[in-house]
Amino acid sequence: MLRGIDPLLRGELLHLLDDMGHTDRLLLADANFPLIRATCPVVRLGEVRMSRTLDAVLSVFPLDEPVDGAVTRMVDPADPEALSPALQDCLGVLRCHAGEGTRFRTPPREVFYEEAMQAAAIIHVLEPLPASCLILTKGVIYPHAAG
């Protein structure tokens, strides 16, 4: 255990997050995502909710600027404007970390899949609610913020 590090962020995952650079994309994949096509490293967290995973990741992972373009959500083809309950929870987490007015970027489903397949790494959780995937774009840590 490490002090100040969320216990969900174990060695392999911390190593991947640390190795990622500015503009690299991290896919948070739900239980329905087709991982078989992934060519990047995959860390499986098991039965963890998407919002819990997002909260842990955002505790160490800087989002690109502007933040509104840094978090991309998957859309439900039946209702592209609707947020799944899992993504509603994630929006609350995102706003706690990045500001109350922060929104998800919402491209068409085909574009989301194209971008997801270009991720530098994937965190797979067994979030049971469909259309609950997110792509995070890594930002920069400036020297004054490094602590």
N, C-alpha and C. Protein backbone atom coordinates (compact mmCIF):
# COMPACT_ATOMS: atom_id res chain seq x y z
N MET A 1 0.84 -1.19 0.00
CA MET A 1 0.00 0.00 0.00
C MET A 1 0.89 1.25 0.00
N LEU A 2 0.39 2.26 -0.68
CA LEU A 2 1.07 3.55 -0.70
C LEU A 2 0.14 4.61 -0.13
N ARG A 3 0.69 5.54 0.56
CA ARG A 3 -0.10 6.63 1.11
C ARG A 3 -0.45 7.61 -0.01
N GLY A 4 -1.70 8.02 -0.06
CA GLY A 4 -2.12 9.02 -1.05
C GLY A 4 -2.43 8.45 -2.42
N ILE A 5 -2.24 7.15 -2.62
CA ILE A 5 -2.54 6.51 -3.91
C ILE A 5 -3.75 5.62 -3.70
N ASP A 6 -4.75 5.80 -4.53
CA ASP A 6 -5.95 4.97 -4.45
C ASP A 6 -5.55 3.50 -4.60
N PRO A 7 -6.02 2.61 -3.71
CA PRO A 7 -5.63 1.20 -3.78
C PRO A 7 -6.06 0.50 -5.08
N LEU A 8 -6.98 1.07 -5.81
CA LEU A 8 -7.37 0.51 -7.11
C LEU A 8 -6.24 0.64 -8.13
N LEU A 9 -5.35 1.60 -7.91
CA LEU A 9 -4.25 1.87 -8.84
C LEU A 9 -3.02 1.05 -8.43
N ARG A 10 -3.02 -0.20 -8.83
CA ARG A 10 -1.92 -1.10 -8.50
C ARG A 10 -0.75 -0.90 -9.45
N GLY A 11 0.34 -1.61 -9.21
CA GLY A 11 1.61 -1.46 -9.91
C GLY A 11 1.54 -1.35 -11.42
N GLU A 12 0.99 -2.36 -12.09
CA GLU A 12 0.95 -2.36 -13.55
C GLU A 12 0.16 -1.16 -14.08
N LEU A 13 -0.95 -0.87 -13.45
CA LEU A 13 -1.78 0.25 -13.89
C LEU A 13 -1.07 1.57 -13.66
N LEU A 14 -0.47 1.75 -12.49
CA LEU A 14 0.28 2.99 -12.23
C LEU A 14 1.42 3.15 -13.23
N HIS A 15 2.08 2.07 -13.54
CA HIS A 15 3.18 2.11 -14.52
C HIS A 15 2.67 2.58 -15.89
N LEU A 16 1.55 2.03 -16.34
CA LEU A 16 0.99 2.44 -17.63
C LEU A 16 0.60 3.91 -17.63
N LEU A 17 -0.09 4.34 -16.58
CA LEU A 17 -0.53 5.74 -16.50
C LEU A 17 0.67 6.68 -16.50
N ASP A 18 1.73 6.27 -15.80
CA ASP A 18 2.93 7.09 -15.72
C ASP A 18 3.65 7.16 -17.07
N ASP A 19 3.68 6.06 -17.80
CA ASP A 19 4.36 6.01 -19.10
C ASP A 19 3.63 6.78 -20.19
N MET A 20 2.33 6.96 -20.03
CA MET A 20 1.57 7.69 -21.05
C MET A 20 2.01 9.15 -21.07
N GLY A 21 1.99 9.73 -22.26
CA GLY A 21 2.38 11.13 -22.41
C GLY A 21 1.22 11.99 -22.89
N HIS A 22 1.53 13.26 -23.06
CA HIS A 22 0.54 14.24 -23.48
C HIS A 22 -0.16 13.79 -24.77
N THR A 23 -1.44 13.83 -24.77
CA THR A 23 -2.38 13.46 -25.85
C THR A 23 -2.58 11.95 -26.00
N ASP A 24 -1.88 11.12 -25.22
CA ASP A 24 -2.18 9.69 -25.25
C ASP A 24 -3.58 9.47 -24.71
N ARG A 25 -4.24 8.46 -25.25
CA ARG A 25 -5.62 8.17 -24.84
C ARG A 25 -5.68 6.91 -24.01
N LEU A 26 -6.52 6.96 -22.99
CA LEU A 26 -6.78 5.84 -22.09
C LEU A 26 -8.25 5.48 -22.23
N LEU A 27 -8.51 4.23 -22.57
CA LEU A 27 -9.89 3.75 -22.70
C LEU A 27 -10.31 3.09 -21.40
N LEU A 28 -11.42 3.54 -20.85
CA LEU A 28 -12.07 2.84 -19.74
C LEU A 28 -13.20 2.04 -20.38
N ALA A 29 -13.02 0.73 -20.46
CA ALA A 29 -13.93 -0.14 -21.21
C ALA A 29 -14.89 -0.87 -20.28
N ASP A 30 -16.16 -0.90 -20.66
CA ASP A 30 -17.16 -1.63 -19.88
C ASP A 30 -17.13 -3.12 -20.25
N ALA A 31 -17.98 -3.90 -19.61
CA ALA A 31 -18.00 -5.35 -19.80
C ALA A 31 -18.32 -5.77 -21.22
N ASN A 32 -18.99 -4.92 -22.00
CA ASN A 32 -19.41 -5.28 -23.35
C ASN A 32 -18.42 -4.88 -24.44
N PHE A 33 -17.36 -4.18 -24.08
CA PHE A 33 -16.43 -3.70 -25.09
C PHE A 33 -15.67 -4.87 -25.72
N PRO A 34 -15.48 -4.86 -27.07
CA PRO A 34 -14.80 -5.97 -27.75
C PRO A 34 -13.27 -5.93 -27.58
N LEU A 35 -12.79 -6.39 -26.46
CA LEU A 35 -11.35 -6.35 -26.16
C LEU A 35 -10.51 -7.21 -27.09
N ILE A 36 -11.12 -8.17 -27.75
CA ILE A 36 -10.38 -9.09 -28.60
C ILE A 36 -9.61 -8.35 -29.70
N ARG A 37 -10.10 -7.17 -30.08
CA ARG A 37 -9.46 -6.38 -31.14
C ARG A 37 -8.37 -5.44 -30.62
N ALA A 38 -8.22 -5.36 -29.31
CA ALA A 38 -7.27 -4.42 -28.73
C ALA A 38 -5.83 -4.84 -29.01
N THR A 39 -4.99 -3.88 -29.35
CA THR A 39 -3.58 -4.16 -29.60
C THR A 39 -2.68 -3.49 -28.56
N CYS A 40 -3.26 -2.77 -27.63
CA CYS A 40 -2.49 -2.08 -26.60
C CYS A 40 -2.60 -2.85 -25.27
N PRO A 41 -1.82 -2.46 -24.26
CA PRO A 41 -1.93 -3.13 -22.96
C PRO A 41 -3.32 -2.98 -22.35
N VAL A 42 -3.79 -4.06 -21.72
CA VAL A 42 -5.10 -4.06 -21.05
C VAL A 42 -4.89 -4.45 -19.60
N VAL A 43 -5.43 -3.63 -18.70
CA VAL A 43 -5.43 -3.96 -17.27
C VAL A 43 -6.88 -4.26 -16.89
N ARG A 44 -7.09 -5.44 -16.34
CA ARG A 44 -8.43 -5.86 -15.94
C ARG A 44 -8.62 -5.63 -14.45
N LEU A 45 -9.62 -4.83 -14.11
CA LEU A 45 -9.89 -4.54 -12.71
C LEU A 45 -11.03 -5.37 -12.14
N GLY A 46 -11.76 -6.07 -12.98
CA GLY A 46 -12.84 -6.92 -12.48
C GLY A 46 -14.10 -6.14 -12.15
N GLU A 47 -14.77 -6.56 -11.10
CA GLU A 47 -16.08 -6.00 -10.75
C GLU A 47 -15.97 -4.66 -10.03
N VAL A 48 -15.61 -3.66 -10.80
CA VAL A 48 -15.50 -2.30 -10.30
C VAL A 48 -16.39 -1.43 -11.17
N ARG A 49 -17.10 -0.51 -10.56
CA ARG A 49 -17.97 0.38 -11.34
C ARG A 49 -17.12 1.38 -12.11
N MET A 50 -17.65 1.84 -13.21
CA MET A 50 -16.94 2.79 -14.06
C MET A 50 -16.65 4.09 -13.30
N SER A 51 -17.60 4.57 -12.53
CA SER A 51 -17.39 5.82 -11.80
C SER A 51 -16.29 5.68 -10.75
N ARG A 52 -16.20 4.55 -10.11
CA ARG A 52 -15.14 4.30 -9.11
C ARG A 52 -13.78 4.29 -9.80
N THR A 53 -13.72 3.65 -10.96
CA THR A 53 -12.48 3.60 -11.73
C THR A 53 -12.06 5.00 -12.19
N LEU A 54 -13.01 5.76 -12.71
CA LEU A 54 -12.72 7.12 -13.17
C LEU A 54 -12.20 7.97 -12.02
N ASP A 55 -12.80 7.87 -10.85
CA ASP A 55 -12.36 8.65 -9.70
C ASP A 55 -10.92 8.31 -9.34
N ALA A 56 -10.59 7.03 -9.32
CA ALA A 56 -9.22 6.62 -8.99
C ALA A 56 -8.23 7.14 -10.04
N VAL A 57 -8.56 6.97 -11.31
CA VAL A 57 -7.66 7.40 -12.38
C VAL A 57 -7.45 8.92 -12.33
N LEU A 58 -8.53 9.66 -12.19
CA LEU A 58 -8.40 11.13 -12.19
C LEU A 58 -7.66 11.66 -10.98
N SER A 59 -7.44 10.84 -9.96
CA SER A 59 -6.66 11.28 -8.81
C SER A 59 -5.18 11.43 -9.15
N VAL A 60 -4.74 10.82 -10.27
CA VAL A 60 -3.33 10.91 -10.68
C VAL A 60 -3.13 11.30 -12.14
N PHE A 61 -4.17 11.29 -12.92
CA PHE A 61 -4.10 11.44 -14.38
C PHE A 61 -4.57 12.83 -14.78
N PRO A 62 -3.68 13.69 -15.31
CA PRO A 62 -4.13 15.02 -15.73
C PRO A 62 -4.88 14.93 -17.06
N LEU A 63 -5.96 15.65 -17.14
CA LEU A 63 -6.72 15.71 -18.39
C LEU A 63 -6.19 16.82 -19.28
N ASP A 64 -6.26 16.60 -20.58
CA ASP A 64 -5.81 17.58 -21.54
C ASP A 64 -6.70 18.82 -21.48
N GLU A 65 -6.18 19.93 -21.95
CA GLU A 65 -6.93 21.18 -22.02
C GLU A 65 -7.41 21.42 -23.44
N PRO A 66 -8.60 21.90 -23.69
CA PRO A 66 -9.62 22.14 -22.68
C PRO A 66 -10.22 20.81 -22.22
N VAL A 67 -10.58 20.77 -20.96
CA VAL A 67 -11.08 19.53 -20.36
C VAL A 67 -12.33 19.02 -21.06
N ASP A 68 -13.18 19.92 -21.58
CA ASP A 68 -14.40 19.48 -22.26
C ASP A 68 -14.11 18.60 -23.48
N GLY A 69 -12.93 18.70 -24.05
CA GLY A 69 -12.57 17.85 -25.17
C GLY A 69 -11.75 16.64 -24.77
N ALA A 70 -11.44 16.51 -23.49
CA ALA A 70 -10.52 15.48 -23.02
C ALA A 70 -11.20 14.19 -22.58
N VAL A 71 -12.50 14.22 -22.39
CA VAL A 71 -13.23 13.01 -21.96
C VAL A 71 -14.34 12.74 -22.96
N THR A 72 -14.22 11.62 -23.62
CA THR A 72 -15.15 11.23 -24.68
C THR A 72 -16.00 10.07 -24.18
N ARG A 73 -17.30 10.16 -24.40
CA ARG A 73 -18.18 9.08 -23.96
C ARG A 73 -18.73 8.32 -25.16
N MET A 74 -19.08 7.07 -24.90
CA MET A 74 -19.75 6.26 -25.90
C MET A 74 -21.23 6.64 -25.90
N VAL A 75 -21.84 6.63 -27.06
CA VAL A 75 -23.28 6.92 -27.14
C VAL A 75 -24.05 5.62 -27.31
N ASP A 76 -25.27 5.63 -26.82
CA ASP A 76 -26.18 4.51 -26.99
C ASP A 76 -26.88 4.71 -28.33
N PRO A 77 -26.76 3.77 -29.27
CA PRO A 77 -27.37 3.98 -30.59
C PRO A 77 -28.88 4.14 -30.54
N ALA A 78 -29.52 3.58 -29.52
CA ALA A 78 -30.97 3.72 -29.39
C ALA A 78 -31.37 5.14 -29.01
N ASP A 79 -30.49 5.83 -28.27
CA ASP A 79 -30.77 7.20 -27.85
C ASP A 79 -29.45 7.92 -27.62
N PRO A 80 -28.86 8.49 -28.68
CA PRO A 80 -27.53 9.11 -28.57
C PRO A 80 -27.42 10.25 -27.56
N GLU A 81 -28.53 10.88 -27.23
CA GLU A 81 -28.49 12.00 -26.28
C GLU A 81 -28.53 11.53 -24.82
N ALA A 82 -29.01 10.32 -24.59
CA ALA A 82 -29.18 9.82 -23.22
C ALA A 82 -27.85 9.39 -22.62
N LEU A 83 -27.72 9.59 -21.32
CA LEU A 83 -26.57 9.09 -20.57
C LEU A 83 -27.01 7.84 -19.80
N SER A 84 -26.23 6.78 -19.91
CA SER A 84 -26.52 5.61 -19.10
C SER A 84 -26.39 6.01 -17.63
N PRO A 85 -27.02 5.28 -16.72
CA PRO A 85 -26.83 5.60 -15.29
C PRO A 85 -25.35 5.58 -14.89
N ALA A 86 -24.58 4.68 -15.47
CA ALA A 86 -23.15 4.62 -15.16
C ALA A 86 -22.45 5.91 -15.60
N LEU A 87 -22.80 6.43 -16.78
CA LEU A 87 -22.17 7.66 -17.26
C LEU A 87 -22.70 8.89 -16.53
N GLN A 88 -23.91 8.84 -16.03
CA GLN A 88 -24.40 9.93 -15.18
C GLN A 88 -23.53 10.04 -13.93
N ASP A 89 -23.22 8.88 -13.33
CA ASP A 89 -22.33 8.86 -12.16
C ASP A 89 -20.94 9.37 -12.54
N CYS A 90 -20.45 8.97 -13.70
CA CYS A 90 -19.13 9.40 -14.16
C CYS A 90 -19.09 10.91 -14.40
N LEU A 91 -20.16 11.47 -14.90
CA LEU A 91 -20.20 12.91 -15.12
C LEU A 91 -20.06 13.65 -13.79
N GLY A 92 -20.69 13.14 -12.75
CA GLY A 92 -20.53 13.72 -11.42
C GLY A 92 -19.09 13.65 -10.94
N VAL A 93 -18.44 12.53 -11.14
CA VAL A 93 -17.03 12.36 -10.77
C VAL A 93 -16.16 13.32 -11.57
N LEU A 94 -16.40 13.39 -12.87
CA LEU A 94 -15.62 14.28 -13.73
C LEU A 94 -15.74 15.73 -13.27
N ARG A 95 -16.94 16.14 -12.94
CA ARG A 95 -17.15 17.52 -12.51
C ARG A 95 -16.49 17.80 -11.16
N CYS A 96 -16.41 16.80 -10.29
CA CYS A 96 -15.69 16.98 -9.02
C CYS A 96 -14.21 17.22 -9.27
N HIS A 97 -13.65 16.56 -10.25
CA HIS A 97 -12.22 16.69 -10.54
C HIS A 97 -11.90 17.87 -11.44
N ALA A 98 -12.78 18.19 -12.39
CA ALA A 98 -12.43 19.16 -13.43
C ALA A 98 -13.28 20.43 -13.43
N GLY A 99 -14.31 20.49 -12.63
CA GLY A 99 -15.14 21.69 -12.60
C GLY A 99 -16.58 21.40 -12.96
N GLU A 100 -17.47 22.15 -12.36
CA GLU A 100 -18.91 21.89 -12.46
C GLU A 100 -19.45 21.97 -13.87
N GLY A 101 -18.90 22.82 -14.71
CA GLY A 101 -19.44 22.97 -16.07
C GLY A 101 -18.88 21.98 -17.09
N THR A 102 -18.03 21.08 -16.65
CA THR A 102 -17.37 20.15 -17.57
C THR A 102 -18.39 19.20 -18.20
N ARG A 103 -18.18 18.92 -19.49
CA ARG A 103 -19.07 18.03 -20.23
C ARG A 103 -18.25 16.95 -20.93
N PHE A 104 -18.95 15.91 -21.38
CA PHE A 104 -18.32 14.88 -22.19
C PHE A 104 -18.30 15.32 -23.64
N ARG A 105 -17.28 14.90 -24.35
CA ARG A 105 -17.27 14.99 -25.81
C ARG A 105 -18.07 13.79 -26.30
N THR A 106 -18.92 13.98 -27.31
CA THR A 106 -19.83 12.91 -27.74
C THR A 106 -19.80 12.76 -29.26
N PRO A 107 -18.82 12.04 -29.80
CA PRO A 107 -18.80 11.81 -31.24
C PRO A 107 -19.76 10.69 -31.61
N PRO A 108 -20.03 10.51 -32.89
CA PRO A 108 -20.84 9.35 -33.31
C PRO A 108 -20.17 8.04 -32.86
N ARG A 109 -20.98 7.02 -32.69
CA ARG A 109 -20.51 5.73 -32.18
C ARG A 109 -19.33 5.17 -32.99
N GLU A 110 -19.39 5.27 -34.32
CA GLU A 110 -18.31 4.73 -35.16
C GLU A 110 -17.00 5.46 -34.88
N VAL A 111 -17.07 6.76 -34.68
CA VAL A 111 -15.88 7.56 -34.38
C VAL A 111 -15.33 7.16 -33.00
N PHE A 112 -16.23 6.95 -32.04
CA PHE A 112 -15.80 6.52 -30.72
C PHE A 112 -14.99 5.23 -30.82
N TYR A 113 -15.50 4.25 -31.56
CA TYR A 113 -14.79 2.97 -31.70
C TYR A 113 -13.45 3.14 -32.40
N GLU A 114 -13.37 3.99 -33.41
CA GLU A 114 -12.10 4.25 -34.08
C GLU A 114 -11.09 4.83 -33.09
N GLU A 115 -11.52 5.80 -32.31
CA GLU A 115 -10.63 6.42 -31.33
C GLU A 115 -10.26 5.43 -30.23
N ALA A 116 -11.21 4.63 -29.80
CA ALA A 116 -10.95 3.64 -28.74
C ALA A 116 -9.88 2.65 -29.17
N MET A 117 -9.91 2.25 -30.42
CA MET A 117 -8.94 1.27 -30.92
C MET A 117 -7.54 1.88 -31.09
N GLN A 118 -7.42 3.18 -30.94
CA GLN A 118 -6.12 3.84 -30.99
C GLN A 118 -5.59 4.19 -29.60
N ALA A 119 -6.25 3.68 -28.56
CA ALA A 119 -5.85 3.98 -27.19
C ALA A 119 -4.45 3.45 -26.91
N ALA A 120 -3.72 4.15 -26.05
CA ALA A 120 -2.40 3.70 -25.62
C ALA A 120 -2.52 2.57 -24.60
N ALA A 121 -3.63 2.55 -23.86
CA ALA A 121 -3.87 1.52 -22.85
C ALA A 121 -5.37 1.44 -22.58
N ILE A 122 -5.77 0.31 -22.02
CA ILE A 122 -7.17 0.08 -21.70
C ILE A 122 -7.28 -0.41 -20.27
N ILE A 123 -8.25 0.15 -19.55
CA ILE A 123 -8.64 -0.39 -18.25
C ILE A 123 -10.01 -1.02 -18.47
N HIS A 124 -10.09 -2.32 -18.22
CA HIS A 124 -11.34 -3.05 -18.42
C HIS A 124 -11.98 -3.31 -17.07
N VAL A 125 -13.23 -2.88 -16.94
CA VAL A 125 -14.00 -3.14 -15.72
C VAL A 125 -15.27 -3.88 -16.10
N LEU A 126 -15.83 -4.58 -15.17
CA LEU A 126 -17.03 -5.35 -15.45
C LEU A 126 -18.29 -4.52 -15.19
N GLU A 127 -18.26 -3.25 -15.61
CA GLU A 127 -19.45 -2.40 -15.54
C GLU A 127 -20.51 -3.06 -16.39
N PRO A 128 -21.64 -3.45 -15.78
CA PRO A 128 -22.65 -4.21 -16.53
C PRO A 128 -23.53 -3.36 -17.44
N LEU A 129 -23.58 -2.06 -17.23
CA LEU A 129 -24.46 -1.22 -18.02
C LEU A 129 -23.84 -0.93 -19.38
N PRO A 130 -24.54 -1.23 -20.47
CA PRO A 130 -23.96 -1.00 -21.80
C PRO A 130 -23.78 0.49 -22.11
N ALA A 131 -22.98 0.75 -23.12
CA ALA A 131 -22.68 2.13 -23.58
C ALA A 131 -22.14 2.97 -22.43
N SER A 132 -21.22 2.40 -21.66
CA SER A 132 -20.65 3.09 -20.50
C SER A 132 -19.14 3.28 -20.61
N CYS A 133 -18.60 3.24 -21.81
CA CYS A 133 -17.15 3.40 -22.02
C CYS A 133 -16.77 4.89 -22.09
N LEU A 134 -15.53 5.16 -21.69
CA LEU A 134 -14.98 6.51 -21.74
C LEU A 134 -13.58 6.48 -22.31
N ILE A 135 -13.21 7.54 -23.00
CA ILE A 135 -11.82 7.74 -23.44
C ILE A 135 -11.32 9.01 -22.77
N LEU A 136 -10.18 8.90 -22.09
CA LEU A 136 -9.55 10.05 -21.44
C LEU A 136 -8.30 10.42 -22.22
N THR A 137 -8.12 11.71 -22.50
CA THR A 137 -6.92 12.20 -23.18
C THR A 137 -6.02 12.84 -22.14
N LYS A 138 -4.79 12.35 -22.06
CA LYS A 138 -3.86 12.82 -21.03
C LYS A 138 -3.34 14.21 -21.34
N GLY A 139 -3.27 15.00 -20.30
CA GLY A 139 -2.75 16.35 -20.40
C GLY A 139 -1.32 16.43 -19.91
N VAL A 140 -0.90 17.64 -19.62
CA VAL A 140 0.47 17.93 -19.20
C VAL A 140 0.48 18.25 -17.72
N ILE A 141 1.53 17.79 -17.06
CA ILE A 141 1.78 18.22 -15.67
C ILE A 141 2.87 19.27 -15.74
N TYR A 142 2.53 20.48 -15.35
CA TYR A 142 3.48 21.58 -15.40
C TYR A 142 4.34 21.56 -14.13
N PRO A 143 5.58 22.06 -14.21
CA PRO A 143 6.49 21.99 -13.06
C PRO A 143 5.91 22.56 -11.77
N HIS A 144 5.16 23.65 -11.85
CA HIS A 144 4.59 24.25 -10.63
C HIS A 144 3.52 23.38 -10.00
N ALA A 145 2.94 22.45 -10.76
CA ALA A 145 1.87 21.59 -10.24
C ALA A 145 2.41 20.25 -9.78
N ALA A 146 3.68 19.96 -10.05
CA ALA A 146 4.23 18.64 -9.74
C ALA A 146 4.40 18.42 -8.25
N GLY A 147 4.47 19.49 -7.46
CA GLY A 147 4.54 19.36 -6.01
C GLY A 147 5.89 19.07 -5.56
